[in-house]
C-alpha cells in the first residue's frame, strides 16, 4: 500500500468497504488512494452523468464517505473539481469528449434518457468555433442539433402545397 497522506485519507474514508472486501480483490497490487476511492464510489461515470443533471440531488443521495470518494475519483480521473466547477462546465467537457471524457460521452450515448436533467444542461452548452470545427464533432452539441433540426423543419414547412417535382428539386 502506498504510504502517502492522500492514500491514508482514502483508506480511512473506505474503511467499511475495505473490511468487507475479499482479500483476493486487494491482493497483488499496490493500493493507492484511487483504489480506495473507487471501492467506495461505485460507478463514477453513471453518478457523474446524473450529477450534471441534478448536482444537489445526487449529493444528497450519497453518504458523506461515498460523496468524498466520488468527488476524488472525478478529480483524479477527469480533472474536474465538483466543489469548484459547476454542472455546465462538466457538460462542456462532456461535449468536447477529449481524453478521459470520451468514455463518459459513450456511456451517455448508450442511454441518453437514463440521466434526468442532463439534456437540459447539455442544451445550454454553446460551442465556440474552435471547439466545433477543430476538436469536436458538432453532433455532440444539443444546441447545434436543435438549430439544424429547426432549419430542416422550416424548409419542410415551406414546401407545403408545392408540387412534388419542385419539392424534390428543393
N, C-alpha and C. Protein backbone atom coordinates (compact mmCIF):
# COMPACT_ATOMS: atom_id res chain seq x y z
N UNK A 1 0.84 -1.18 0.00
CA UNK A 1 0.00 0.00 0.00
C UNK A 1 0.89 1.24 0.00
N UNK A 2 0.47 2.22 -0.78
CA UNK A 2 1.20 3.48 -0.80
C UNK A 2 1.12 4.13 0.58
N UNK A 3 2.15 4.86 0.93
CA UNK A 3 2.20 5.46 2.26
C UNK A 3 2.21 6.98 2.19
N UNK A 4 1.27 7.54 1.43
CA UNK A 4 1.18 8.99 1.36
C UNK A 4 -0.10 9.44 2.05
N UNK A 5 -0.20 10.74 2.28
CA UNK A 5 -1.34 11.28 3.03
C UNK A 5 -2.65 11.05 2.29
N UNK A 6 -2.67 11.19 0.97
CA UNK A 6 -3.91 11.02 0.20
C UNK A 6 -4.41 9.58 0.32
N UNK A 7 -3.51 8.61 0.27
CA UNK A 7 -3.90 7.21 0.40
C UNK A 7 -4.41 6.93 1.81
N UNK A 8 -3.77 7.48 2.81
CA UNK A 8 -4.22 7.28 4.19
C UNK A 8 -5.62 7.85 4.40
N UNK A 9 -5.89 9.05 3.85
CA UNK A 9 -7.23 9.63 3.96
C UNK A 9 -8.26 8.78 3.23
N UNK A 10 -7.89 8.31 2.03
CA UNK A 10 -8.81 7.49 1.25
C UNK A 10 -9.10 6.17 1.96
N UNK A 11 -8.09 5.58 2.58
CA UNK A 11 -8.28 4.34 3.33
C UNK A 11 -9.22 4.55 4.50
N UNK A 12 -9.05 5.63 5.23
CA UNK A 12 -9.96 5.93 6.35
C UNK A 12 -11.39 6.12 5.85
N UNK A 13 -11.54 6.80 4.74
CA UNK A 13 -12.86 7.03 4.16
C UNK A 13 -13.51 5.72 3.71
N UNK A 14 -12.68 4.76 3.27
CA UNK A 14 -13.19 3.50 2.73
C UNK A 14 -13.10 2.35 3.72
N UNK A 15 -12.89 2.64 4.98
CA UNK A 15 -12.65 1.59 5.97
C UNK A 15 -13.74 0.52 5.95
N UNK A 16 -14.99 0.89 5.92
CA UNK A 16 -16.09 -0.08 5.93
C UNK A 16 -16.01 -1.00 4.71
N UNK A 17 -15.77 -0.42 3.53
CA UNK A 17 -15.71 -1.21 2.30
C UNK A 17 -14.48 -2.10 2.26
N UNK A 18 -13.35 -1.60 2.78
CA UNK A 18 -12.12 -2.39 2.80
C UNK A 18 -12.31 -3.60 3.71
N UNK A 19 -12.94 -3.40 4.85
CA UNK A 19 -13.14 -4.50 5.79
C UNK A 19 -14.10 -5.56 5.25
N UNK A 20 -15.00 -5.17 4.36
CA UNK A 20 -15.94 -6.15 3.81
C UNK A 20 -15.50 -6.70 2.45
N UNK A 21 -14.41 -6.17 1.89
CA UNK A 21 -13.91 -6.65 0.59
C UNK A 21 -13.19 -7.97 0.76
N UNK A 22 -13.19 -8.77 -0.29
CA UNK A 22 -12.44 -10.02 -0.25
C UNK A 22 -10.94 -9.70 -0.33
N UNK A 23 -10.17 -10.49 0.36
CA UNK A 23 -8.72 -10.28 0.37
C UNK A 23 -8.18 -10.43 -1.05
N UNK A 24 -8.73 -11.36 -1.81
CA UNK A 24 -8.27 -11.60 -3.17
C UNK A 24 -8.40 -10.38 -4.07
N UNK A 25 -9.43 -9.58 -3.83
CA UNK A 25 -9.63 -8.39 -4.68
C UNK A 25 -8.62 -7.30 -4.38
N UNK A 26 -7.96 -7.39 -3.23
CA UNK A 26 -6.99 -6.36 -2.84
C UNK A 26 -5.54 -6.85 -2.96
N UNK A 27 -5.36 -8.14 -3.09
CA UNK A 27 -4.02 -8.74 -3.10
C UNK A 27 -3.35 -8.56 -4.45
N UNK A 28 -2.03 -8.44 -4.42
CA UNK A 28 -1.23 -8.48 -5.63
C UNK A 28 -1.05 -7.16 -6.36
N UNK A 29 -1.47 -6.09 -5.76
CA UNK A 29 -1.23 -4.80 -6.42
C UNK A 29 -0.97 -3.74 -5.35
N UNK A 30 -0.31 -2.70 -5.77
CA UNK A 30 -0.03 -1.58 -4.87
C UNK A 30 -1.31 -0.76 -4.75
N UNK A 31 -1.86 -0.68 -3.57
CA UNK A 31 -3.10 0.05 -3.33
C UNK A 31 -2.79 1.51 -3.06
N UNK A 32 -3.48 2.36 -3.84
CA UNK A 32 -3.31 3.80 -3.71
C UNK A 32 -4.66 4.45 -3.47
N UNK A 33 -4.65 5.75 -3.28
CA UNK A 33 -5.87 6.49 -2.97
C UNK A 33 -6.98 6.19 -3.97
N UNK A 34 -6.65 6.18 -5.26
CA UNK A 34 -7.66 5.94 -6.30
C UNK A 34 -8.36 4.60 -6.11
N UNK A 35 -7.62 3.57 -5.70
CA UNK A 35 -8.22 2.25 -5.49
C UNK A 35 -9.27 2.31 -4.39
N UNK A 36 -8.97 3.03 -3.32
CA UNK A 36 -9.92 3.12 -2.20
C UNK A 36 -11.12 3.99 -2.57
N UNK A 37 -10.88 5.06 -3.34
CA UNK A 37 -12.00 5.90 -3.78
C UNK A 37 -12.96 5.10 -4.65
N UNK A 38 -12.42 4.30 -5.56
CA UNK A 38 -13.26 3.51 -6.46
C UNK A 38 -14.04 2.44 -5.70
N UNK A 39 -13.45 1.93 -4.66
CA UNK A 39 -14.12 0.93 -3.84
C UNK A 39 -15.38 1.51 -3.22
N UNK A 40 -15.34 2.75 -2.82
CA UNK A 40 -16.48 3.41 -2.18
C UNK A 40 -17.40 4.06 -3.20
N UNK A 41 -16.83 4.68 -4.21
CA UNK A 41 -17.62 5.49 -5.15
C UNK A 41 -18.54 4.66 -6.03
N UNK A 42 -18.17 3.47 -6.36
CA UNK A 42 -19.01 2.66 -7.24
C UNK A 42 -18.84 3.08 -8.69
N UNK A 43 -19.96 3.30 -9.38
CA UNK A 43 -19.96 3.64 -10.80
C UNK A 43 -19.84 5.15 -10.95
N UNK A 44 -18.62 5.63 -11.02
CA UNK A 44 -18.35 7.07 -11.06
C UNK A 44 -18.93 7.72 -12.30
N UNK A 45 -18.84 7.08 -13.45
CA UNK A 45 -19.33 7.68 -14.69
C UNK A 45 -20.85 7.84 -14.62
N UNK A 46 -21.55 6.82 -14.19
CA UNK A 46 -23.01 6.92 -14.06
C UNK A 46 -23.39 8.05 -13.10
N UNK A 47 -22.73 8.08 -11.97
CA UNK A 47 -23.05 9.11 -10.98
C UNK A 47 -22.71 10.50 -11.48
N UNK A 48 -21.63 10.63 -12.26
CA UNK A 48 -21.28 11.93 -12.81
C UNK A 48 -22.34 12.41 -13.80
N UNK A 49 -22.80 11.52 -14.67
CA UNK A 49 -23.83 11.91 -15.63
C UNK A 49 -25.11 12.31 -14.91
N UNK A 50 -25.43 11.62 -13.84
CA UNK A 50 -26.60 12.01 -13.03
C UNK A 50 -26.34 13.35 -12.33
N UNK A 51 -25.12 13.54 -11.84
CA UNK A 51 -24.78 14.78 -11.13
C UNK A 51 -24.91 15.98 -12.05
N UNK A 52 -24.48 15.87 -13.29
CA UNK A 52 -24.57 17.00 -14.21
C UNK A 52 -26.02 17.47 -14.31
N UNK A 53 -26.97 16.55 -14.33
CA UNK A 53 -28.37 16.90 -14.43
C UNK A 53 -29.02 17.31 -13.11
N UNK A 54 -28.45 16.90 -11.98
CA UNK A 54 -29.04 17.20 -10.68
C UNK A 54 -27.97 17.17 -9.59
N UNK A 55 -27.09 18.19 -9.57
CA UNK A 55 -25.99 18.18 -8.60
C UNK A 55 -26.44 18.02 -7.14
N UNK A 56 -27.40 18.80 -6.72
CA UNK A 56 -27.83 18.74 -5.32
C UNK A 56 -28.47 17.40 -4.99
N UNK A 57 -29.29 16.90 -5.88
CA UNK A 57 -29.97 15.63 -5.64
C UNK A 57 -29.01 14.46 -5.53
N UNK A 58 -28.02 14.44 -6.40
CA UNK A 58 -27.04 13.35 -6.36
C UNK A 58 -26.23 13.41 -5.07
N UNK A 59 -25.80 14.60 -4.69
CA UNK A 59 -25.02 14.72 -3.46
C UNK A 59 -25.86 14.31 -2.25
N UNK A 60 -27.10 14.73 -2.21
CA UNK A 60 -27.97 14.37 -1.08
C UNK A 60 -28.23 12.87 -1.01
N UNK A 61 -28.18 12.20 -2.15
CA UNK A 61 -28.43 10.76 -2.18
C UNK A 61 -27.24 9.91 -1.80
N UNK A 62 -26.11 10.53 -1.50
CA UNK A 62 -24.90 9.78 -1.15
C UNK A 62 -24.54 9.99 0.31
N UNK A 63 -23.92 8.97 0.87
CA UNK A 63 -23.35 9.15 2.21
C UNK A 63 -22.16 10.09 2.09
N UNK A 64 -21.72 10.62 3.20
CA UNK A 64 -20.56 11.52 3.20
C UNK A 64 -19.32 10.81 2.65
N UNK A 65 -19.14 9.55 3.03
CA UNK A 65 -17.98 8.79 2.56
C UNK A 65 -18.04 8.57 1.05
N UNK A 66 -19.22 8.23 0.57
CA UNK A 66 -19.36 7.99 -0.87
C UNK A 66 -19.17 9.29 -1.65
N UNK A 67 -19.72 10.40 -1.13
CA UNK A 67 -19.54 11.69 -1.82
C UNK A 67 -18.07 12.06 -1.91
N UNK A 68 -17.32 11.89 -0.81
CA UNK A 68 -15.89 12.19 -0.82
C UNK A 68 -15.17 11.32 -1.85
N UNK A 69 -15.48 10.04 -1.85
CA UNK A 69 -14.82 9.13 -2.80
C UNK A 69 -15.19 9.49 -4.24
N UNK A 70 -16.45 9.81 -4.46
CA UNK A 70 -16.92 10.18 -5.80
C UNK A 70 -16.21 11.44 -6.29
N UNK A 71 -16.16 12.48 -5.46
CA UNK A 71 -15.52 13.73 -5.88
C UNK A 71 -14.03 13.53 -6.12
N UNK A 72 -13.39 12.73 -5.31
CA UNK A 72 -11.95 12.46 -5.51
C UNK A 72 -11.72 11.65 -6.79
N UNK A 73 -12.60 10.70 -7.08
CA UNK A 73 -12.46 9.92 -8.32
C UNK A 73 -12.64 10.81 -9.54
N UNK A 74 -13.63 11.69 -9.50
CA UNK A 74 -13.87 12.60 -10.63
C UNK A 74 -12.68 13.54 -10.79
N UNK A 75 -12.15 14.02 -9.68
CA UNK A 75 -10.99 14.93 -9.74
C UNK A 75 -9.78 14.23 -10.34
N UNK A 76 -9.49 13.02 -9.91
CA UNK A 76 -8.29 12.34 -10.39
C UNK A 76 -8.48 11.77 -11.80
N UNK A 77 -9.65 11.24 -12.11
CA UNK A 77 -9.86 10.60 -13.42
C UNK A 77 -10.19 11.60 -14.52
N UNK A 78 -10.94 12.65 -14.19
CA UNK A 78 -11.47 13.55 -15.22
C UNK A 78 -11.01 15.00 -15.07
N UNK A 79 -10.22 15.27 -14.07
CA UNK A 79 -9.69 16.62 -13.84
C UNK A 79 -10.82 17.65 -13.68
N UNK A 80 -11.85 17.26 -12.94
CA UNK A 80 -12.99 18.14 -12.67
C UNK A 80 -13.18 18.22 -11.17
N UNK A 81 -13.23 19.42 -10.64
CA UNK A 81 -13.44 19.63 -9.21
C UNK A 81 -14.91 19.97 -8.99
N UNK A 82 -15.67 19.02 -8.46
CA UNK A 82 -17.11 19.22 -8.28
C UNK A 82 -17.41 20.33 -7.28
N UNK A 83 -16.47 20.63 -6.42
CA UNK A 83 -16.68 21.71 -5.46
C UNK A 83 -16.50 23.09 -6.08
N UNK A 84 -15.74 23.18 -7.16
CA UNK A 84 -15.47 24.46 -7.80
C UNK A 84 -16.15 24.61 -9.16
N UNK A 85 -16.19 23.53 -9.92
CA UNK A 85 -16.74 23.57 -11.27
C UNK A 85 -18.22 23.20 -11.21
N UNK A 86 -19.03 23.86 -11.97
CA UNK A 86 -20.44 23.57 -11.99
C UNK A 86 -20.80 22.52 -13.02
N UNK A 87 -22.08 22.19 -13.05
CA UNK A 87 -22.54 21.17 -13.98
C UNK A 87 -22.41 21.64 -15.43
N UNK A 88 -22.49 22.95 -15.68
CA UNK A 88 -22.31 23.44 -17.05
C UNK A 88 -20.88 23.20 -17.54
N UNK A 89 -19.91 23.40 -16.67
CA UNK A 89 -18.51 23.11 -17.03
C UNK A 89 -18.36 21.62 -17.34
N UNK A 90 -18.96 20.78 -16.52
CA UNK A 90 -18.90 19.34 -16.76
C UNK A 90 -19.56 19.00 -18.09
N UNK A 91 -20.69 19.64 -18.40
CA UNK A 91 -21.39 19.38 -19.67
C UNK A 91 -20.53 19.83 -20.85
N UNK A 92 -19.83 20.94 -20.70
CA UNK A 92 -18.93 21.40 -21.78
C UNK A 92 -17.83 20.38 -22.02
N UNK A 93 -17.25 19.87 -20.95
CA UNK A 93 -16.20 18.86 -21.08
C UNK A 93 -16.75 17.58 -21.69
N UNK A 94 -17.97 17.23 -21.32
CA UNK A 94 -18.63 16.05 -21.88
C UNK A 94 -18.82 16.22 -23.38
N UNK A 95 -19.28 17.38 -23.81
CA UNK A 95 -19.47 17.63 -25.25
C UNK A 95 -18.15 17.60 -26.01
N UNK A 96 -17.11 18.14 -25.41
CA UNK A 96 -15.79 18.10 -26.06
C UNK A 96 -15.31 16.67 -26.20
N UNK A 97 -15.54 15.86 -25.17
CA UNK A 97 -15.21 14.44 -25.23
C UNK A 97 -13.72 14.13 -25.33
N UNK A 98 -12.87 15.04 -24.90
CA UNK A 98 -11.42 14.84 -25.01
C UNK A 98 -10.92 13.92 -23.91
N UNK A 99 -9.92 13.12 -24.22
CA UNK A 99 -9.25 12.28 -23.23
C UNK A 99 -10.19 11.36 -22.49
N UNK A 100 -10.13 11.41 -21.18
CA UNK A 100 -10.94 10.52 -20.34
C UNK A 100 -12.44 10.80 -20.45
N UNK A 101 -12.81 11.93 -21.05
CA UNK A 101 -14.23 12.26 -21.22
C UNK A 101 -14.87 11.48 -22.37
N UNK A 102 -14.06 10.89 -23.26
CA UNK A 102 -14.60 10.09 -24.36
C UNK A 102 -15.48 8.95 -23.88
N UNK A 103 -15.00 8.11 -22.96
CA UNK A 103 -15.84 7.03 -22.45
C UNK A 103 -17.09 7.54 -21.69
N UNK A 104 -16.99 8.71 -21.09
CA UNK A 104 -18.16 9.28 -20.41
C UNK A 104 -19.22 9.62 -21.45
N UNK A 105 -18.79 10.23 -22.56
CA UNK A 105 -19.73 10.53 -23.66
C UNK A 105 -20.36 9.24 -24.19
N UNK A 106 -19.53 8.20 -24.37
CA UNK A 106 -20.05 6.93 -24.89
C UNK A 106 -21.11 6.34 -23.97
N UNK A 107 -20.91 6.46 -22.67
CA UNK A 107 -21.90 5.96 -21.71
C UNK A 107 -23.20 6.74 -21.84
N UNK A 108 -23.10 8.05 -21.99
CA UNK A 108 -24.29 8.88 -22.19
C UNK A 108 -25.04 8.45 -23.45
N UNK A 109 -24.31 8.24 -24.54
CA UNK A 109 -24.93 7.87 -25.82
C UNK A 109 -25.66 6.53 -25.72
N UNK A 110 -25.16 5.63 -24.89
CA UNK A 110 -25.80 4.31 -24.73
C UNK A 110 -27.22 4.43 -24.20
N UNK A 111 -27.47 5.40 -23.32
CA UNK A 111 -28.79 5.53 -22.70
C UNK A 111 -29.05 6.99 -22.32
N UNK A 112 -29.25 7.86 -23.31
CA UNK A 112 -29.39 9.29 -23.01
C UNK A 112 -30.58 9.63 -22.11
N UNK A 113 -31.61 8.81 -22.14
CA UNK A 113 -32.79 9.08 -21.31
C UNK A 113 -32.61 8.63 -19.86
N UNK A 114 -31.49 7.99 -19.57
CA UNK A 114 -31.27 7.47 -18.23
C UNK A 114 -30.72 8.47 -17.24
N UNK A 115 -30.56 9.73 -17.68
CA UNK A 115 -29.94 10.73 -16.82
C UNK A 115 -30.82 11.98 -16.78
N UNK A 116 -31.82 11.98 -15.91
CA UNK A 116 -32.75 13.11 -15.86
C UNK A 116 -32.03 14.44 -15.63
N UNK A 117 -32.45 15.43 -16.40
CA UNK A 117 -31.88 16.77 -16.27
C UNK A 117 -30.65 17.01 -17.11
N UNK A 118 -29.98 15.95 -17.54
CA UNK A 118 -28.74 16.10 -18.29
C UNK A 118 -28.97 16.78 -19.63
N UNK A 119 -30.03 16.41 -20.34
CA UNK A 119 -30.30 17.03 -21.64
C UNK A 119 -30.56 18.53 -21.50
N UNK A 120 -31.19 18.94 -20.41
CA UNK A 120 -31.42 20.37 -20.18
C UNK A 120 -30.10 21.11 -20.07
N UNK A 121 -29.15 20.53 -19.34
CA UNK A 121 -27.85 21.18 -19.17
C UNK A 121 -27.08 21.16 -20.50
N UNK A 122 -27.12 20.04 -21.20
CA UNK A 122 -26.43 19.96 -22.49
C UNK A 122 -26.99 20.97 -23.49
N UNK A 123 -28.27 21.26 -23.39
CA UNK A 123 -28.89 22.25 -24.27
C UNK A 123 -28.35 23.65 -24.06
N UNK A 124 -27.75 23.90 -22.90
CA UNK A 124 -27.20 25.23 -22.61
C UNK A 124 -25.74 25.37 -23.06
N UNK A 125 -25.12 24.28 -23.48
CA UNK A 125 -23.72 24.32 -23.90
C UNK A 125 -23.66 24.91 -25.30
N UNK A 126 -22.88 25.95 -25.44
CA UNK A 126 -22.69 26.61 -26.73
C UNK A 126 -21.23 26.45 -27.15
N UNK A 127 -20.98 25.75 -28.24
CA UNK A 127 -19.59 25.57 -28.66
C UNK A 127 -19.02 26.84 -29.26
N UNK A 128 -17.73 27.00 -29.08
CA UNK A 128 -17.04 28.06 -29.81
C UNK A 128 -16.66 27.47 -31.16
N UNK A 129 -16.36 28.32 -32.11
CA UNK A 129 -15.98 27.80 -33.44
C UNK A 129 -14.79 26.86 -33.33
N UNK A 130 -13.85 27.20 -32.46
CA UNK A 130 -12.69 26.33 -32.29
C UNK A 130 -13.08 24.95 -31.80
N UNK A 131 -14.01 24.90 -30.83
CA UNK A 131 -14.47 23.61 -30.33
C UNK A 131 -15.19 22.84 -31.42
N UNK A 132 -16.12 23.55 -32.08
CA UNK A 132 -16.98 22.86 -33.01
C UNK A 132 -16.24 22.36 -34.24
N UNK A 133 -15.34 23.15 -34.76
CA UNK A 133 -14.71 22.79 -36.01
C UNK A 133 -13.34 22.15 -35.87
N UNK A 134 -12.67 22.41 -34.79
CA UNK A 134 -11.31 21.90 -34.67
C UNK A 134 -11.22 20.61 -33.86
N UNK A 135 -11.91 20.56 -32.72
CA UNK A 135 -11.69 19.44 -31.82
C UNK A 135 -12.86 18.49 -31.70
N UNK A 136 -14.06 18.95 -31.96
CA UNK A 136 -15.22 18.19 -31.55
C UNK A 136 -16.21 18.00 -32.68
N UNK A 137 -16.87 16.87 -32.65
CA UNK A 137 -17.95 16.58 -33.56
C UNK A 137 -19.14 17.48 -33.20
N UNK A 138 -19.61 18.31 -34.14
CA UNK A 138 -20.72 19.21 -33.82
C UNK A 138 -21.98 18.47 -33.38
N UNK A 139 -22.10 17.20 -33.74
CA UNK A 139 -23.27 16.42 -33.34
C UNK A 139 -23.33 16.23 -31.82
N UNK A 140 -22.24 16.49 -31.14
CA UNK A 140 -22.24 16.36 -29.68
C UNK A 140 -22.93 17.52 -28.98
N UNK A 141 -23.23 18.56 -29.72
CA UNK A 141 -23.83 19.75 -29.12
C UNK A 141 -25.32 19.78 -29.41
N UNK A 142 -26.11 19.66 -28.36
CA UNK A 142 -27.56 19.67 -28.50
C UNK A 142 -28.04 20.98 -29.11
N UNK A 143 -27.42 22.08 -28.77
CA UNK A 143 -27.82 23.38 -29.33
C UNK A 143 -27.61 23.41 -30.84
N UNK A 144 -26.53 22.82 -31.32
CA UNK A 144 -26.26 22.76 -32.76
C UNK A 144 -27.28 21.85 -33.44
N UNK A 145 -27.55 20.71 -32.83
CA UNK A 145 -28.54 19.79 -33.39
C UNK A 145 -29.92 20.43 -33.45
N UNK A 146 -30.32 21.09 -32.38
CA UNK A 146 -31.64 21.73 -32.36
C UNK A 146 -31.76 22.80 -33.44
N UNK A 147 -30.71 23.59 -33.64
CA UNK A 147 -30.74 24.63 -34.67
C UNK A 147 -30.83 24.00 -36.06
N UNK A 148 -30.09 22.93 -36.31
CA UNK A 148 -30.13 22.26 -37.61
C UNK A 148 -31.50 21.64 -37.86
N UNK A 149 -32.09 21.05 -36.83
CA UNK A 149 -33.42 20.47 -36.98
C UNK A 149 -34.46 21.55 -37.28
N UNK A 150 -34.29 22.72 -36.68
CA UNK A 150 -35.23 23.81 -36.96
C UNK A 150 -35.12 24.28 -38.41
N UNK A 151 -33.91 24.31 -38.95
CA UNK A 151 -33.72 24.67 -40.36
C UNK A 151 -34.45 23.67 -41.25
N UNK A 152 -34.28 22.39 -40.96
CA UNK A 152 -34.95 21.36 -41.76
C UNK A 152 -36.46 21.47 -41.61
N UNK A 153 -36.94 21.64 -40.38
CA UNK A 153 -38.37 21.77 -40.11
C UNK A 153 -38.96 22.95 -40.90
N UNK A 154 -38.28 24.06 -40.87
CA UNK A 154 -38.75 25.25 -41.58
C UNK A 154 -38.76 25.03 -43.08
N UNK A 155 -37.70 24.41 -43.61
CA UNK A 155 -37.62 24.14 -45.05
C UNK A 155 -38.74 23.20 -45.49
N UNK A 156 -39.03 22.20 -44.66
CA UNK A 156 -40.12 21.28 -45.00
C UNK A 156 -41.47 21.99 -44.96
N UNK A 157 -41.64 22.87 -43.99
CA UNK A 157 -42.90 23.62 -43.90
C UNK A 157 -43.09 24.52 -45.12
N UNK A 158 -41.99 25.07 -45.63
CA UNK A 158 -42.06 25.92 -46.81
C UNK A 158 -42.47 25.14 -48.06
N UNK A 159 -42.33 23.83 -48.04
CA UNK A 159 -42.67 23.00 -49.20
C UNK A 159 -44.15 22.61 -49.24
N UNK A 160 -44.86 22.97 -48.20
CA UNK A 160 -46.28 22.62 -48.16
C UNK A 160 -47.01 23.27 -49.33
N UNK A 161 -47.76 22.47 -50.08
CA UNK A 161 -48.51 22.98 -51.23
C UNK A 161 -47.70 23.05 -52.51
N UNK A 162 -46.43 22.72 -52.47
CA UNK A 162 -45.56 22.74 -53.64
C UNK A 162 -45.65 21.37 -54.33
N UNK A 163 -45.60 21.36 -55.62
CA UNK A 163 -45.63 20.10 -56.36
C UNK A 163 -44.42 19.24 -56.06
N UNK A 164 -44.56 17.95 -56.31
CA UNK A 164 -43.50 17.02 -55.93
C UNK A 164 -42.21 17.27 -56.69
N UNK A 165 -42.26 17.69 -57.94
CA UNK A 165 -41.03 17.94 -58.70
C UNK A 165 -40.26 19.12 -58.11
N UNK A 166 -40.98 20.17 -57.78
CA UNK A 166 -40.32 21.35 -57.19
C UNK A 166 -39.80 21.01 -55.79
N UNK A 167 -40.59 20.25 -55.02
CA UNK A 167 -40.17 19.85 -53.66
C UNK A 167 -38.92 19.00 -53.75
N UNK A 168 -38.90 18.08 -54.70
CA UNK A 168 -37.75 17.19 -54.87
C UNK A 168 -36.51 18.00 -55.26
N UNK A 169 -36.66 18.93 -56.16
CA UNK A 169 -35.54 19.77 -56.58
C UNK A 169 -35.02 20.61 -55.41
N UNK A 170 -35.94 21.13 -54.62
CA UNK A 170 -35.56 21.95 -53.47
C UNK A 170 -34.83 21.10 -52.46
